[in-house]
C-alpha atoms as a PDB file:
ATOM      1  CA  UNK A   1      43.653  41.734 113.370  1.00  0.00           C
ATOM      2  CA  UNK A   2      45.290  40.655 116.608  1.00  0.00           C
ATOM      3  CA  UNK A   3      45.249  43.477 119.174  1.00  0.00           C
ATOM      4  CA  UNK A   4      48.870  42.801 120.183  1.00  0.00           C
ATOM      5  CA  UNK A   5      50.012  43.317 116.590  1.00  0.00           C
ATOM      6  CA  UNK A   6      47.916  46.479 116.292  1.00  0.00           C
ATOM      7  CA  UNK A   7      49.292  47.842 119.570  1.00  0.00           C
ATOM      8  CA  UNK A   8      52.854  47.109 118.467  1.00  0.00           C
ATOM      9  CA  UNK A   9      52.212  48.733 115.085  1.00  0.00           C
ATOM     10  CA  UNK A  10      50.714  51.900 116.583  1.00  0.00           C
ATOM     11  CA  UNK A  11      53.447  52.269 119.195  1.00  0.00           C
ATOM     12  CA  UNK A  12      56.281  51.662 116.738  1.00  0.00           C
ATOM     13  CA  UNK A  13      58.179  54.622 115.362  1.00  0.00           C
ATOM     14  CA  UNK A  14      58.193  53.034 111.891  1.00  0.00           C
ATOM     15  CA  UNK A  15      54.488  53.844 111.603  1.00  0.00           C
ATOM     16  CA  UNK A  16      55.100  57.459 110.450  1.00  0.00           C
ATOM     17  CA  UNK A  17      57.035  56.135 107.455  1.00  0.00           C
ATOM     18  CA  UNK A  18      54.103  53.948 106.505  1.00  0.00           C
ATOM     19  CA  UNK A  19      51.432  56.593 107.078  1.00  0.00           C
ATOM     20  CA  UNK A  20      53.420  59.375 105.377  1.00  0.00           C
ATOM     21  CA  UNK A  21      54.132  57.075 102.437  1.00  0.00           C
ATOM     22  CA  UNK A  22      50.410  56.455 101.988  1.00  0.00           C
ATOM     23  CA  UNK A  23      49.655  60.170 102.367  1.00  0.00           C
ATOM     24  CA  UNK A  24      52.335  61.128  99.816  1.00  0.00           C
ATOM     25  CA  UNK A  25      50.879  58.679  97.289  1.00  0.00           C
ATOM     26  CA  UNK A  26      47.374  60.087  97.754  1.00  0.00           C
ATOM     27  CA  UNK A  27      48.654  63.662  97.442  1.00  0.00           C
ATOM     28  CA  UNK A  28      50.718  62.804  94.342  1.00  0.00           C
ATOM     29  CA  UNK A  29      47.939  61.184  92.300  1.00  0.00           C
ATOM     30  CA  UNK A  30      46.219  64.452  91.213  1.00  0.00           C
ATOM     31  CA  UNK A  31      49.628  65.889  90.265  1.00  0.00           C
ATOM     32  CA  UNK A  32      50.412  62.807  88.202  1.00  0.00           C
ATOM     33  CA  UNK A  33      47.084  63.067  86.368  1.00  0.00           C
ATOM     34  CA  UNK A  34      47.717  66.754  85.699  1.00  0.00           C
ATOM     35  CA  UNK A  35      44.396  67.751  87.212  1.00  0.00           C
ATOM     36  CA  UNK A  36      45.888  70.468  89.431  1.00  0.00           C
ATOM     37  CA  UNK A  37      46.438  73.820  87.694  1.00  0.00           C
ATOM     38  CA  UNK A  38      49.524  75.882  88.511  1.00  0.00           C
ATOM     39  CA  UNK A  39      49.105  77.497  91.929  1.00  0.00           C
ATOM     40  CA  UNK A  40      51.186  78.611  94.895  1.00  0.00           C
ATOM     41  CA  UNK A  41      49.878  76.086  97.416  1.00  0.00           C
ATOM     42  CA  UNK A  42      49.760  72.569  95.979  1.00  0.00           C
ATOM     43  CA  UNK A  43      52.431  70.777  93.998  1.00  0.00           C
ATOM     44  CA  UNK A  44      56.179  71.127  93.631  1.00  0.00           C
ATOM     45  CA  UNK A  45      56.860  74.808  94.220  1.00  0.00           C
ATOM     46  CA  UNK A  46      60.079  75.285  92.283  1.00  0.00           C
ATOM     47  CA  UNK A  47      60.679  78.659  90.629  1.00  0.00           C
ATOM     48  CA  UNK A  48      61.019  77.098  87.175  1.00  0.00           C
ATOM     49  CA  UNK A  49      57.531  75.601  87.568  1.00  0.00           C
ATOM     50  CA  UNK A  50      56.133  79.130  87.441  1.00  0.00           C
ATOM     51  CA  UNK A  51      57.811  80.081  84.144  1.00  0.00           C
ATOM     52  CA  UNK A  52      55.088  78.361  82.095  1.00  0.00           C
ATOM     53  CA  UNK A  53      52.135  76.062  82.524  1.00  0.00           C
ATOM     54  CA  UNK A  54      53.968  73.381  80.566  1.00  0.00           C
ATOM     55  CA  UNK A  55      56.992  73.555  82.865  1.00  0.00           C
ATOM     56  CA  UNK A  56      54.732  73.433  85.922  1.00  0.00           C
ATOM     57  CA  UNK A  57      52.901  70.376  84.587  1.00  0.00           C
ATOM     58  CA  UNK A  58      56.129  68.594  83.619  1.00  0.00           C
ATOM     59  CA  UNK A  59      57.750  69.255  87.014  1.00  0.00           C
ATOM     60  CA  UNK A  60      54.654  68.222  88.968  1.00  0.00           C
ATOM     61  CA  UNK A  61      54.216  65.019  86.943  1.00  0.00           C
ATOM     62  CA  UNK A  62      57.882  64.089  87.284  1.00  0.00           C
ATOM     63  CA  UNK A  63      57.877  64.907  90.995  1.00  0.00           C
ATOM     64  CA  UNK A  64      54.685  62.919  91.533  1.00  0.00           C
ATOM     65  CA  UNK A  65      56.208  59.859  89.830  1.00  0.00           C
ATOM     66  CA  UNK A  66      59.350  60.124  91.943  1.00  0.00           C
ATOM     67  CA  UNK A  67      57.370  60.644  95.144  1.00  0.00           C
ATOM     68  CA  UNK A  68      55.025  57.726  94.430  1.00  0.00           C
ATOM     69  CA  UNK A  69      57.893  55.354  93.673  1.00  0.00           C
ATOM     70  CA  UNK A  70      59.907  56.389  96.709  1.00  0.00           C
ATOM     71  CA  UNK A  71      56.791  56.338  98.909  1.00  0.00           C
ATOM     72  CA  UNK A  72      56.239  52.697  97.955  1.00  0.00           C
ATOM     73  CA  UNK A  73      59.830  51.995  98.978  1.00  0.00           C
ATOM     74  CA  UNK A  74      59.251  54.010 102.182  1.00  0.00           C
ATOM     75  CA  UNK A  75      56.148  51.970 103.032  1.00  0.00           C
ATOM     76  CA  UNK A  76      57.987  48.701 102.368  1.00  0.00           C
ATOM     77  CA  UNK A  77      60.905  49.727 104.565  1.00  0.00           C
ATOM     78  CA  UNK A  78      58.492  50.897 107.272  1.00  0.00           C
ATOM     79  CA  UNK A  79      56.755  47.506 107.212  1.00  0.00           C
ATOM     80  CA  UNK A  80      60.135  45.812 107.432  1.00  0.00           C
ATOM     81  CA  UNK A  81      61.100  48.003 110.388  1.00  0.00           C
ATOM     82  CA  UNK A  82      57.895  46.996 112.173  1.00  0.00           C
ATOM     83  CA  UNK A  83      59.210  43.459 112.444  1.00  0.00           C
ATOM     84  CA  UNK A  84      62.763  44.394 113.368  1.00  0.00           C
ATOM     85  CA  UNK A  85      63.466  45.336 116.930  1.00  0.00           C
ATOM     86  CA  UNK A  86      64.843  48.854 116.578  1.00  0.00           C
ATOM     87  CA  UNK A  87      67.391  49.857 119.202  1.00  0.00           C
ATOM     88  CA  UNK A  88      66.575  53.533 118.749  1.00  0.00           C
ATOM     89  CA  UNK A  89      63.257  55.209 118.090  1.00  0.00           C
ATOM     90  CA  UNK A  90      64.991  57.650 115.731  1.00  0.00           C
ATOM     91  CA  UNK A  91      66.002  54.775 113.454  1.00  0.00           C
ATOM     92  CA  UNK A  92      62.388  54.481 112.339  1.00  0.00           C
ATOM     93  CA  UNK A  93      62.406  58.012 110.927  1.00  0.00           C
ATOM     94  CA  UNK A  94      65.310  57.290 108.599  1.00  0.00           C
ATOM     95  CA  UNK A  95      63.179  55.975 105.688  1.00  0.00           C
ATOM     96  CA  UNK A  96      60.837  58.953 105.953  1.00  0.00           C
ATOM     97  CA  UNK A  97      63.652  61.485 105.782  1.00  0.00           C
ATOM     98  CA  UNK A  98      65.803  59.727 103.164  1.00  0.00           C
ATOM     99  CA  UNK A  99      63.069  58.873 100.667  1.00  0.00           C
ATOM    100  CA  UNK A 100      61.272  62.210 100.956  1.00  0.00           C
ATOM    101  CA  UNK A 101      64.538  64.092 100.445  1.00  0.00           C
ATOM    102  CA  UNK A 102      65.446  61.843  97.495  1.00  0.00           C
ATOM    103  CA  UNK A 103      62.146  62.635  95.738  1.00  0.00           C
ATOM    104  CA  UNK A 104      62.622  66.362  96.289  1.00  0.00           C
ATOM    105  CA  UNK A 105      66.228  66.343  95.062  1.00  0.00           C
ATOM    106  CA  UNK A 106      65.328  64.295  91.978  1.00  0.00           C
ATOM    107  CA  UNK A 107      62.574  66.770  91.118  1.00  0.00           C
ATOM    108  CA  UNK A 108      64.873  69.766  91.597  1.00  0.00           C
ATOM    109  CA  UNK A 109      67.476  68.103  89.370  1.00  0.00           C
ATOM    110  CA  UNK A 110      64.827  67.467  86.705  1.00  0.00           C
ATOM    111  CA  UNK A 111      63.637  71.091  86.911  1.00  0.00           C
ATOM    112  CA  UNK A 112      67.174  72.406  86.461  1.00  0.00           C
ATOM    113  CA  UNK A 113      67.529  70.372  83.271  1.00  0.00           C
ATOM    114  CA  UNK A 114      64.393  71.856  81.727  1.00  0.00           C
ATOM    115  CA  UNK A 115      65.157  74.584  79.244  1.00  0.00           C
ATOM    116  CA  UNK A 116      64.010  78.046  80.219  1.00  0.00           C
ATOM    117  CA  UNK A 117      60.906  78.461  78.182  1.00  0.00           C
ATOM    118  CA  UNK A 118      57.773  80.537  78.297  1.00  0.00           C
ATOM    119  CA  UNK A 119      56.318  78.349  75.578  1.00  0.00           C
ATOM    120  CA  UNK A 120      53.518  75.921  76.249  1.00  0.00           C
ATOM    121  CA  UNK A 121      55.719  72.889  75.536  1.00  0.00           C
ATOM    122  CA  UNK A 122      58.746  72.466  77.811  1.00  0.00           C
ATOM    123  CA  UNK A 123      61.946  71.090  76.384  1.00  0.00           C
ATOM    124  CA  UNK A 124      62.689  68.105  78.579  1.00  0.00           C
ATOM    125  CA  UNK A 125      66.194  66.748  79.044  1.00  0.00           C
END
């Protein structure tokens, strides 16, 4: 890789969108597979996720799908921003903030639609 391109990439503010997008995908994969049991540290920590294991699994899987999809979009927009001359360094943080917030809000909306259940099978909308 050309050192000028690497230097530009590392000094560009769009790089956090790319790196965070990759990190979010890596973090989301175990949640998507359902290999993380309900806990207070890892996963989508929404109160309805703690009402049953089934709700926790459904919320984490839905949230992981949303986060993976929006992280791919975040990475693509970050790559695009690398090649655009940004007038402001804050403009590069826009994809990171917008797509992360969108994934969180989608997951909260999904969780609110789940029926309150202590059963092992959640009633999805």
